[in-house]
C-alpha atoms as a PDB file:
ATOM      1  CA  MET A   1     -40.176  82.943  -3.181  1.00  0.00           C
ATOM      2  CA  GLU A   2     -41.984  85.423  -5.430  1.00  0.00           C
ATOM      3  CA  GLU A   3     -40.297  88.376  -3.767  1.00  0.00           C
ATOM      4  CA  LEU A   4     -37.011  86.762  -4.011  1.00  0.00           C
ATOM      5  CA  HIS A   5     -37.446  86.157  -7.668  1.00  0.00           C
ATOM      6  CA  ARG A   6     -38.789  89.578  -8.286  1.00  0.00           C
ATOM      7  CA  ARG A   7     -35.429  90.895  -6.833  1.00  0.00           C
ATOM      8  CA  ALA A   8     -33.479  88.603  -8.943  1.00  0.00           C
ATOM      9  CA  HIS A   9     -32.103  86.420  -6.053  1.00  0.00           C
ATOM     10  CA  PRO A  10     -31.240  83.039  -6.967  1.00  0.00           C
ATOM     11  CA  CYS A  11     -32.945  80.728  -4.578  1.00  0.00           C
ATOM     12  CA  ILE A  12     -34.199  77.196  -3.952  1.00  0.00           C
ATOM     13  CA  GLY A  13     -37.465  76.583  -2.051  1.00  0.00           C
ATOM     14  CA  VAL A  14     -38.320  73.228  -0.450  1.00  0.00           C
ATOM     15  CA  SER A  15     -41.582  71.611   0.771  1.00  0.00           C
ATOM     16  CA  GLN A  16     -42.776  68.285   1.969  1.00  0.00           C
ATOM     17  CA  THR A  17     -45.838  68.673  -0.339  1.00  0.00           C
ATOM     18  CA  TYR A  18     -46.040  69.234  -4.080  1.00  0.00           C
ATOM     19  CA  ARG A  19     -45.810  72.928  -4.922  1.00  0.00           C
ATOM     20  CA  GLU A  20     -44.898  74.340  -8.195  1.00  0.00           C
ATOM     21  CA  GLY A  21     -41.439  75.712  -8.211  1.00  0.00           C
ATOM     22  CA  LEU A  22     -40.483  74.035  -5.128  1.00  0.00           C
ATOM     23  CA  VAL A  23     -38.156  71.050  -4.402  1.00  0.00           C
ATOM     24  CA  ARG A  24     -40.141  68.379  -2.686  1.00  0.00           C
ATOM     25  CA  ILE A  25     -38.219  66.670   0.194  1.00  0.00           C
ATOM     26  CA  PRO A  26     -39.011  63.312   1.661  1.00  0.00           C
ATOM     27  CA  THR A  27     -39.042  64.283   5.222  1.00  0.00           C
ATOM     28  CA  TYR A  28     -38.477  67.162   7.557  1.00  0.00           C
ATOM     29  CA  THR A  29     -36.913  65.339  10.554  1.00  0.00           C
ATOM     30  CA  THR A  30     -33.370  64.502  11.569  1.00  0.00           C
ATOM     31  CA  GLU A  31     -33.283  61.748   9.032  1.00  0.00           C
ATOM     32  CA  MET A  32     -33.355  64.389   6.128  1.00  0.00           C
ATOM     33  CA  ASN A  33     -29.996  64.576   4.314  1.00  0.00           C
ATOM     34  CA  TRP A  34     -29.742  68.120   3.724  1.00  0.00           C
ATOM     35  CA  ASP A  35     -25.966  68.279   2.287  1.00  0.00           C
ATOM     36  CA  PRO A  36     -26.633  67.812  -1.472  1.00  0.00           C
ATOM     37  CA  LEU A  37     -29.353  70.719  -1.355  1.00  0.00           C
ATOM     38  CA  LEU A  38     -26.925  73.100   0.573  1.00  0.00           C
ATOM     39  CA  ASP A  39     -23.911  72.996  -1.881  1.00  0.00           C
ATOM     40  CA  GLY A  40     -23.172  76.605  -2.785  1.00  0.00           C
ATOM     41  CA  VAL A  41     -25.864  77.927  -0.513  1.00  0.00           C
ATOM     42  CA  GLU A  42     -25.058  81.163   1.355  1.00  0.00           C
ATOM     43  CA  VAL A  43     -28.259  81.918   3.479  1.00  0.00           C
ATOM     44  CA  ILE A  44     -31.080  79.818   4.712  1.00  0.00           C
ATOM     45  CA  VAL A  45     -34.421  81.480   5.421  1.00  0.00           C
ATOM     46  CA  HIS A  46     -36.221  78.985   7.753  1.00  0.00           C
ATOM     47  CA  LEU A  47     -39.948  78.974   7.793  1.00  0.00           C
ATOM     48  CA  ALA A  48     -41.039  75.520   8.633  1.00  0.00           C
ATOM     49  CA  ALA A  49     -42.758  74.744  11.910  1.00  0.00           C
ATOM     50  CA  ARG A  50     -45.336  72.851  13.653  1.00  0.00           C
ATOM     51  CA  VAL A  51     -47.687  75.496  14.704  1.00  0.00           C
ATOM     52  CA  HIS A  52     -50.894  75.469  16.827  1.00  0.00           C
ATOM     53  CA  VAL A  53     -52.872  72.288  16.429  1.00  0.00           C
ATOM     54  CA  MET A  54     -56.701  72.560  17.011  1.00  0.00           C
ATOM     55  CA  ASN A  55     -58.030  69.720  19.227  1.00  0.00           C
ATOM     56  CA  ASP A  56     -54.564  68.160  19.555  1.00  0.00           C
ATOM     57  CA  ARG A  57     -54.812  64.583  20.912  1.00  0.00           C
ATOM     58  CA  SER A  58     -51.153  64.031  21.402  1.00  0.00           C
ATOM     59  CA  SER A  59     -50.442  62.452  24.819  1.00  0.00           C
ATOM     60  CA  GLU A  60     -47.116  64.296  24.769  1.00  0.00           C
ATOM     61  CA  PRO A  61     -47.549  67.603  22.826  1.00  0.00           C
ATOM     62  CA  LEU A  62     -44.636  69.313  23.931  1.00  0.00           C
ATOM     63  CA  ARG A  63     -42.503  66.318  22.646  1.00  0.00           C
ATOM     64  CA  GLU A  64     -44.208  66.693  19.222  1.00  0.00           C
ATOM     65  CA  PHE A  65     -43.458  70.348  18.936  1.00  0.00           C
ATOM     66  CA  ARG A  66     -39.945  69.750  19.947  1.00  0.00           C
ATOM     67  CA  GLN A  67     -39.281  67.192  17.283  1.00  0.00           C
ATOM     68  CA  SER A  68     -40.334  69.654  14.533  1.00  0.00           C
ATOM     69  CA  ASN A  69     -39.473  72.910  15.910  1.00  0.00           C
ATOM     70  CA  VAL A  70     -36.256  72.092  17.747  1.00  0.00           C
ATOM     71  CA  GLU A  71     -34.769  68.906  16.704  1.00  0.00           C
ATOM     72  CA  ALA A  72     -35.480  69.167  12.884  1.00  0.00           C
ATOM     73  CA  SER A  73     -34.550  72.934  12.913  1.00  0.00           C
ATOM     74  CA  LEU A  74     -31.188  72.267  14.699  1.00  0.00           C
ATOM     75  CA  HIS A  75     -30.381  69.364  12.417  1.00  0.00           C
ATOM     76  CA  LEU A  76     -30.872  71.580   9.264  1.00  0.00           C
ATOM     77  CA  ALA A  77     -28.699  74.288  11.090  1.00  0.00           C
ATOM     78  CA  ARG A  78     -25.890  71.811  11.769  1.00  0.00           C
ATOM     79  CA  SER A  79     -25.807  70.674   8.180  1.00  0.00           C
ATOM     80  CA  ALA A  80     -25.688  74.342   7.069  1.00  0.00           C
ATOM     81  CA  ALA A  81     -22.702  75.000   9.415  1.00  0.00           C
ATOM     82  CA  ARG A  82     -20.949  71.913   7.931  1.00  0.00           C
ATOM     83  CA  CYS A  83     -21.622  72.784   4.289  1.00  0.00           C
ATOM     84  CA  GLY A  84     -20.395  76.430   4.779  1.00  0.00           C
ATOM     85  CA  VAL A  85     -23.565  78.184   4.823  1.00  0.00           C
ATOM     86  CA  ARG A  86     -22.940  81.738   5.986  1.00  0.00           C
ATOM     87  CA  ARG A  87     -26.136  82.725   7.588  1.00  0.00           C
ATOM     88  CA  PHE A  88     -29.388  81.029   9.075  1.00  0.00           C
ATOM     89  CA  VAL A  89     -32.381  83.177   9.451  1.00  0.00           C
ATOM     90  CA  PHE A  90     -35.041  81.526  11.937  1.00  0.00           C
ATOM     91  CA  VAL A  91     -38.691  82.684  11.786  1.00  0.00           C
ATOM     92  CA  SER A  92     -39.745  82.355  15.391  1.00  0.00           C
ATOM     93  CA  THR A  93     -42.807  84.004  16.946  1.00  0.00           C
ATOM     94  CA  ILE A  94     -43.641  86.924  19.404  1.00  0.00           C
ATOM     95  CA  LYS A  95     -45.192  84.191  21.566  1.00  0.00           C
ATOM     96  CA  VAL A  96     -41.764  83.544  22.944  1.00  0.00           C
ATOM     97  CA  ASN A  97     -42.206  87.138  24.555  1.00  0.00           C
ATOM     98  CA  GLY A  98     -45.497  86.014  25.983  1.00  0.00           C
ATOM     99  CA  GLU A  99     -49.219  86.159  25.169  1.00  0.00           C
ATOM    100  CA  ARG A 100     -50.098  89.549  26.384  1.00  0.00           C
ATOM    101  CA  THR A 101     -48.653  92.921  27.198  1.00  0.00           C
ATOM    102  CA  GLU A 102     -49.862  95.799  29.454  1.00  0.00           C
ATOM    103  CA  LEU A 103     -51.413  98.744  27.530  1.00  0.00           C
ATOM    104  CA  GLY A 104     -48.644 101.077  26.725  1.00  0.00           C
ATOM    105  CA  CYS A 105     -45.939  98.524  27.583  1.00  0.00           C
ATOM    106  CA  PRO A 106     -44.994  96.565  24.318  1.00  0.00           C
ATOM    107  CA  PHE A 107     -42.696  93.505  24.205  1.00  0.00           C
ATOM    108  CA  LYS A 108     -39.102  94.380  23.599  1.00  0.00           C
ATOM    109  CA  ALA A 109     -36.519  92.051  22.076  1.00  0.00           C
ATOM    110  CA  ASP A 110     -34.132  92.043  24.941  1.00  0.00           C
ATOM    111  CA  ALA A 111     -37.051  91.258  27.439  1.00  0.00           C
ATOM    112  CA  SER A 112     -36.955  87.856  29.267  1.00  0.00           C
ATOM    113  CA  PRO A 113     -38.833  85.201  27.393  1.00  0.00           C
ATOM    114  CA  ASN A 114     -42.198  84.182  28.902  1.00  0.00           C
ATOM    115  CA  PRO A 115     -43.531  81.464  26.489  1.00  0.00           C
ATOM    116  CA  GLU A 116     -46.953  79.670  27.255  1.00  0.00           C
ATOM    117  CA  GLY A 117     -47.881  76.465  25.669  1.00  0.00           C
ATOM    118  CA  PRO A 118     -45.858  73.905  23.781  1.00  0.00           C
ATOM    119  CA  TYR A 119     -45.471  75.791  20.475  1.00  0.00           C
ATOM    120  CA  ALA A 120     -44.025  78.801  22.108  1.00  0.00           C
ATOM    121  CA  ILE A 121     -41.808  76.749  24.478  1.00  0.00           C
ATOM    122  CA  SER A 122     -40.408  74.874  21.408  1.00  0.00           C
ATOM    123  CA  LYS A 123     -39.625  77.878  19.513  1.00  0.00           C
ATOM    124  CA  MET A 124     -37.800  79.490  22.626  1.00  0.00           C
ATOM    125  CA  GLU A 125     -35.839  76.252  22.875  1.00  0.00           C
ATOM    126  CA  ALA A 126     -34.890  76.446  19.282  1.00  0.00           C
ATOM    127  CA  GLU A 127     -33.809  79.931  19.545  1.00  0.00           C
ATOM    128  CA  LYS A 128     -31.383  79.166  22.305  1.00  0.00           C
ATOM    129  CA  ALA A 129     -30.016  76.146  20.650  1.00  0.00           C
ATOM    130  CA  LEU A 130     -29.464  77.864  17.535  1.00  0.00           C
ATOM    131  CA  LEU A 131     -27.568  80.629  19.162  1.00  0.00           C
ATOM    132  CA  GLU A 132     -25.492  78.079  20.936  1.00  0.00           C
ATOM    133  CA  LEU A 133     -24.679  76.438  17.589  1.00  0.00           C
ATOM    134  CA  ALA A 134     -23.676  79.984  16.262  1.00  0.00           C
ATOM    135  CA  ARG A 135     -21.128  80.212  19.075  1.00  0.00           C
ATOM    136  CA  ASP A 136     -19.608  76.742  18.574  1.00  0.00           C
ATOM    137  CA  THR A 137     -19.626  76.907  14.617  1.00  0.00           C
ATOM    138  CA  GLY A 138     -19.428  80.410  13.435  1.00  0.00           C
ATOM    139  CA  LEU A 139     -22.726  80.041  11.484  1.00  0.00           C
ATOM    140  CA  GLU A 140     -24.605  83.387  11.760  1.00  0.00           C
ATOM    141  CA  ILE A 141     -28.028  82.937  13.393  1.00  0.00           C
ATOM    142  CA  VAL A 142     -30.782  85.697  13.010  1.00  0.00           C
ATOM    143  CA  ILE A 143     -33.938  85.260  15.151  1.00  0.00           C
ATOM    144  CA  ILE A 144     -37.063  86.899  13.793  1.00  0.00           C
ATOM    145  CA  ARG A 145     -40.222  87.067  16.142  1.00  0.00           C
ATOM    146  CA  PRO A 146     -43.158  88.262  14.169  1.00  0.00           C
ATOM    147  CA  THR A 147     -46.667  89.069  15.468  1.00  0.00           C
ATOM    148  CA  LEU A 148     -49.745  87.789  13.815  1.00  0.00           C
ATOM    149  CA  VAL A 149     -48.879  87.782   9.851  1.00  0.00           C
ATOM    150  CA  TYR A 150     -51.709  88.709   7.482  1.00  0.00           C
ATOM    151  CA  GLY A 151     -52.114  89.349   3.842  1.00  0.00           C
ATOM    152  CA  PRO A 152     -53.166  87.388   0.731  1.00  0.00           C
ATOM    153  CA  GLY A 153     -54.246  83.813   1.324  1.00  0.00           C
ATOM    154  CA  VAL A 154     -54.344  84.547   5.216  1.00  0.00           C
ATOM    155  CA  LYS A 155     -56.101  81.855   7.290  1.00  0.00           C
ATOM    156  CA  GLY A 156     -57.186  81.472  10.889  1.00  0.00           C
ATOM    157  CA  ASN A 157     -58.902  84.077  12.822  1.00  0.00           C
ATOM    158  CA  ILE A 158     -58.349  86.883  10.425  1.00  0.00           C
ATOM    159  CA  ALA A 159     -59.806  84.824   7.606  1.00  0.00           C
ATOM    160  CA  THR A 160     -62.893  84.088   9.733  1.00  0.00           C
ATOM    161  CA  LEU A 161     -63.396  87.769  10.736  1.00  0.00           C
ATOM    162  CA  ALA A 162     -63.081  88.701   7.003  1.00  0.00           C
ATOM    163  CA  LYS A 163     -65.773  86.261   5.994  1.00  0.00           C
ATOM    164  CA  LEU A 164     -68.089  87.441   8.742  1.00  0.00           C
ATOM    165  CA  GLY A 165     -67.314  91.082   7.796  1.00  0.00           C
ATOM    166  CA  LYS A 166     -68.671  90.455   4.052  1.00  0.00           C
ATOM    167  CA  LEU A 167     -72.125  89.875   5.901  1.00  0.00           C
ATOM    168  CA  GLY A 168     -72.052  93.338   7.330  1.00  0.00           C
ATOM    169  CA  LEU A 169     -72.310  92.193  10.863  1.00  0.00           C
ATOM    170  CA  PRO A 170     -72.359  94.992  13.560  1.00  0.00           C
ATOM    171  CA  SER A 171     -69.188  95.017  15.806  1.00  0.00           C
ATOM    172  CA  PRO A 172     -70.047  95.167  19.545  1.00  0.00           C
ATOM    173  CA  LEU A 173     -66.350  96.091  20.692  1.00  0.00           C
ATOM    174  CA  GLY A 174     -66.538  99.763  19.975  1.00  0.00           C
ATOM    175  CA  LEU A 175     -65.728 100.559  23.766  1.00  0.00           C
ATOM    176  CA  ILE A 176     -63.032  97.825  23.890  1.00  0.00           C
ATOM    177  CA  GLN A 177     -59.877 100.028  23.324  1.00  0.00           C
ATOM    178  CA  ASN A 178     -56.987  97.501  23.231  1.00  0.00           C
ATOM    179  CA  ARG A 179     -53.997  97.414  21.208  1.00  0.00           C
ATOM    180  CA  ARG A 180     -52.518  94.730  19.079  1.00  0.00           C
ATOM    181  CA  SER A 181     -49.486  94.694  16.671  1.00  0.00           C
ATOM    182  CA  LEU A 182     -49.983  92.960  13.362  1.00  0.00           C
ATOM    183  CA  LEU A 183     -47.493  92.213  10.321  1.00  0.00           C
ATOM    184  CA  HIS A 184     -48.443  92.218   6.639  1.00  0.00           C
ATOM    185  CA  VAL A 185     -46.683  89.356   4.758  1.00  0.00           C
ATOM    186  CA  SER A 186     -45.021  91.899   2.415  1.00  0.00           C
ATOM    187  CA  ASN A 187     -43.305  93.680   5.369  1.00  0.00           C
ATOM    188  CA  LEU A 188     -42.253  90.204   6.741  1.00  0.00           C
ATOM    189  CA  CYS A 189     -40.727  89.397   3.294  1.00  0.00           C
ATOM    190  CA  ASP A 190     -38.829  92.555   3.278  1.00  0.00           C
ATOM    191  CA  LEU A 191     -37.381  92.144   6.806  1.00  0.00           C
ATOM    192  CA  LEU A 192     -36.363  88.611   5.985  1.00  0.00           C
ATOM    193  CA  LEU A 193     -34.441  89.840   2.982  1.00  0.00           C
ATOM    194  CA  ILE A 194     -32.624  92.601   4.983  1.00  0.00           C
ATOM    195  CA  ALA A 195     -32.028  90.145   7.650  1.00  0.00           C
ATOM    196  CA  SER A 196     -30.253  87.682   5.358  1.00  0.00           C
ATOM    197  CA  GLU A 197     -27.716  90.335   4.426  1.00  0.00           C
ATOM    198  CA  HIS A 198     -27.403  93.152   6.960  1.00  0.00           C
ATOM    199  CA  PRO A 199     -24.102  92.901   9.017  1.00  0.00           C
ATOM    200  CA  ASN A 200     -25.831  94.190  12.065  1.00  0.00           C
ATOM    201  CA  ALA A 201     -28.312  91.205  12.062  1.00  0.00           C
ATOM    202  CA  ALA A 202     -25.904  88.312  13.001  1.00  0.00           C
ATOM    203  CA  ASN A 203     -26.707  86.463  16.105  1.00  0.00           C
ATOM    204  CA  GLN A 204     -29.395  88.940  17.073  1.00  0.00           C
ATOM    205  CA  VAL A 205     -33.223  88.748  17.985  1.00  0.00           C
ATOM    206  CA  PHE A 206     -35.540  91.060  16.240  1.00  0.00           C
ATOM    207  CA  LEU A 207     -39.355  91.750  16.702  1.00  0.00           C
ATOM    208  CA  ALA A 208     -41.360  92.243  13.639  1.00  0.00           C
ATOM    209  CA  ALA A 209     -44.582  94.218  13.167  1.00  0.00           C
ATOM    210  CA  ASP A 210     -46.122  96.773  11.039  1.00  0.00           C
ATOM    211  CA  GLY A 211     -45.214  99.521  13.465  1.00  0.00           C
ATOM    212  CA  ASN A 212     -48.773 101.006  14.097  1.00  0.00           C
ATOM    213  CA  SER A 213     -50.633  98.932  16.764  1.00  0.00           C
ATOM    214  CA  VAL A 214     -54.590  98.828  16.174  1.00  0.00           C
ATOM    215  CA  SER A 215     -57.549  97.988  18.430  1.00  0.00           C
ATOM    216  CA  THR A 216     -59.743  94.950  17.699  1.00  0.00           C
ATOM    217  CA  GLU A 217     -62.623  97.282  16.682  1.00  0.00           C
ATOM    218  CA  GLN A 218     -60.321  98.837  14.037  1.00  0.00           C
ATOM    219  CA  ILE A 219     -59.525  95.405  12.828  1.00  0.00           C
ATOM    220  CA  LEU A 220     -63.186  94.424  12.422  1.00  0.00           C
ATOM    221  CA  GLN A 221     -63.965  97.893  10.881  1.00  0.00           C
ATOM    222  CA  GLU A 222     -61.202  97.431   8.051  1.00  0.00           C
ATOM    223  CA  LEU A 223     -62.596  93.875   7.530  1.00  0.00           C
ATOM    224  CA  GLY A 224     -65.981  95.246   6.748  1.00  0.00           C
ATOM    225  CA  TRP A 225     -68.042  95.164  10.026  1.00  0.00           C
ATOM    226  CA  THR A 226     -70.368  97.879  10.749  1.00  0.00           C
ATOM    227  CA  LYS A 227     -70.522 100.056  13.809  1.00  0.00           C
ATOM    228  CA  ALA A 228     -72.986  98.858  16.514  1.00  0.00           C
ATOM    229  CA  PRO A 229     -75.292 100.807  18.438  1.00  0.00           C
ATOM    230  CA  ARG A 230     -73.589 102.256  21.549  1.00  0.00           C
ATOM    231  CA  TRP A 231     -76.109 100.516  23.980  1.00  0.00           C
ATOM    232  CA  LEU A 232     -74.894  97.283  22.355  1.00  0.00           C
ATOM    233  CA  CYS A 233     -71.229  98.162  22.793  1.00  0.00           C
ATOM    234  CA  LYS A 234     -71.995  99.101  26.431  1.00  0.00           C
ATOM    235  CA  LEU A 235     -73.601  95.618  26.875  1.00  0.00           C
ATOM    236  CA  ALA A 236     -70.803  93.722  25.246  1.00  0.00           C
ATOM    237  CA  SER A 237     -68.238  95.538  27.197  1.00  0.00           C
ATOM    238  CA  SER A 238     -69.959  94.806  30.409  1.00  0.00           C
ATOM    239  CA  ILE A 239     -70.275  91.023  29.586  1.00  0.00           C
ATOM    240  CA  LEU A 240     -66.810  90.491  28.329  1.00  0.00           C
ATOM    241  CA  LYS A 241     -65.407  92.267  31.529  1.00  0.00           C
ATOM    242  CA  SER A 242     -67.503  90.219  33.703  1.00  0.00           C
ATOM    243  CA  ARG A 243     -66.064  87.252  35.909  1.00  0.00           C
ATOM    244  CA  LEU A 244     -67.688  84.939  33.528  1.00  0.00           C
ATOM    245  CA  PHE A 245     -64.780  85.639  31.082  1.00  0.00           C
ATOM    246  CA  GLU A 246     -61.930  86.200  33.408  1.00  0.00           C
ATOM    247  CA  ASN A 247     -58.759  84.317  32.507  1.00  0.00           C
ATOM    248  CA  ASN A 248     -60.231  83.326  29.221  1.00  0.00           C
ATOM    249  CA  ALA A 249     -57.313  82.516  26.832  1.00  0.00           C
ATOM    250  CA  ALA A 250     -59.359  82.582  23.699  1.00  0.00           C
ATOM    251  CA  LEU A 251     -61.074  85.889  24.324  1.00  0.00           C
ATOM    252  CA  GLU A 252     -57.668  87.460  25.527  1.00  0.00           C
ATOM    253  CA  LYS A 253     -56.477  86.945  21.987  1.00  0.00           C
ATOM    254  CA  ILE A 254     -59.299  89.075  20.614  1.00  0.00           C
ATOM    255  CA  ILE A 255     -59.715  91.878  23.167  1.00  0.00           C
ATOM    256  CA  GLY A 256     -56.363  91.715  25.089  1.00  0.00           C
ATOM    257  CA  ASN A 257     -53.181  93.750  24.370  1.00  0.00           C
ATOM    258  CA  LEU A 258     -50.169  92.448  22.478  1.00  0.00           C
ATOM    259  CA  GLU A 259     -47.837  95.060  21.294  1.00  0.00           C
ATOM    260  CA  ALA A 260     -44.283  94.769  19.877  1.00  0.00           C
ATOM    261  CA  ASP A 261     -41.823  97.510  20.087  1.00  0.00           C
ATOM    262  CA  ILE A 262     -39.748  97.339  16.641  1.00  0.00           C
ATOM    263  CA  GLY A 263     -37.501 100.240  17.645  1.00  0.00           C
ATOM    264  CA  ASP A 264     -34.434  97.902  17.902  1.00  0.00           C
ATOM    265  CA  THR A 265     -35.289  96.344  14.539  1.00  0.00           C
ATOM    266  CA  THR A 266     -35.623  99.482  12.754  1.00  0.00           C
ATOM    267  CA  GLU A 267     -32.622 101.303  14.331  1.00  0.00           C
ATOM    268  CA  LYS A 268     -30.138  98.235  13.727  1.00  0.00           C
ATOM    269  CA  LEU A 269     -31.302  97.134  10.356  1.00  0.00           C
ATOM    270  CA  GLY A 270     -32.718 100.475   8.749  1.00  0.00           C
ATOM    271  CA  TRP A 271     -36.007  98.719   8.100  1.00  0.00           C
ATOM    272  CA  LYS A 272     -39.193 100.751   7.680  1.00  0.00           C
ATOM    273  CA  PRO A 273     -42.404  98.545   7.257  1.00  0.00           C
ATOM    274  CA  ASN A 274     -45.177  99.959   5.097  1.00  0.00           C
ATOM    275  CA  LYS A 275     -48.677 100.318   6.284  1.00  0.00           C
ATOM    276  CA  TYR A 276     -51.652  98.213   4.885  1.00  0.00           C
ATOM    277  CA  ALA A 277     -55.273  97.926   5.102  1.00  0.00           C
ATOM    278  CA  LEU A 278     -56.584  94.698   6.422  1.00  0.00           C
ATOM    279  CA  GLN A 279     -59.399  94.288   3.928  1.00  0.00           C
ATOM    280  CA  LYS A 280     -56.730  93.765   1.377  1.00  0.00           C
ATOM    281  CA  ILE A 281     -56.104  90.207   2.240  1.00  0.00           C
ATOM    282  CA  ASN A 282     -57.538  88.324  -0.733  1.00  0.00           C
END
């Protein structure tokens, strides 16, 4: 919203919780009547989603994710098509491609989806349903699959690592030379604005990342962690590569590879992401 206002784009933001400057909606379900809010709207940038839930106790987690990420999203898109909205930009996730890549073999936008877990599966299903709606109605759909987003106010793993970095802890991952793609929130905002207008974006899928992959060690260094002695790095590397940690999904997200090839995005949309330092996240 701030970026849209800065560029003098008239816009309406909505939220289920009270936030200054946003329109509060009573529900984000198929019961929501979107038509009054969509009068005169040309483009919708869709950010709402049910994301990863820690200690999810739902007996049917995939059903819960589908209700928010598929059914509610499609309900809004159908209202958009009915009300004459031109374009619907849907923020999905790189997890639709998968959870990991081989070193030097980044994900590409046209690769076959390989989602793991209810969140990624529901996002893939939403993408397919929206593109089908585009064929049936003429509503232009743009799919954006961002990698891990960071920037001011970031939460989750990056925020935790940043807090630990302020303690000056030594990083034992100096010998783990993995590669991970990240995305600064300002680059995401810029891409979403381009995707909302560019003629080449209609009914396409685009991957989004900063363009320069980094290792976990580089991430920790930028967040304030200090370099550990080589003996400690060797010990950590040996432990992490042992059978004890094989097929550990949580560990994979830290020391594994996950790269996105944004060549198609930059070529078709003329988008050039800026580079940012991870320590500037406050």
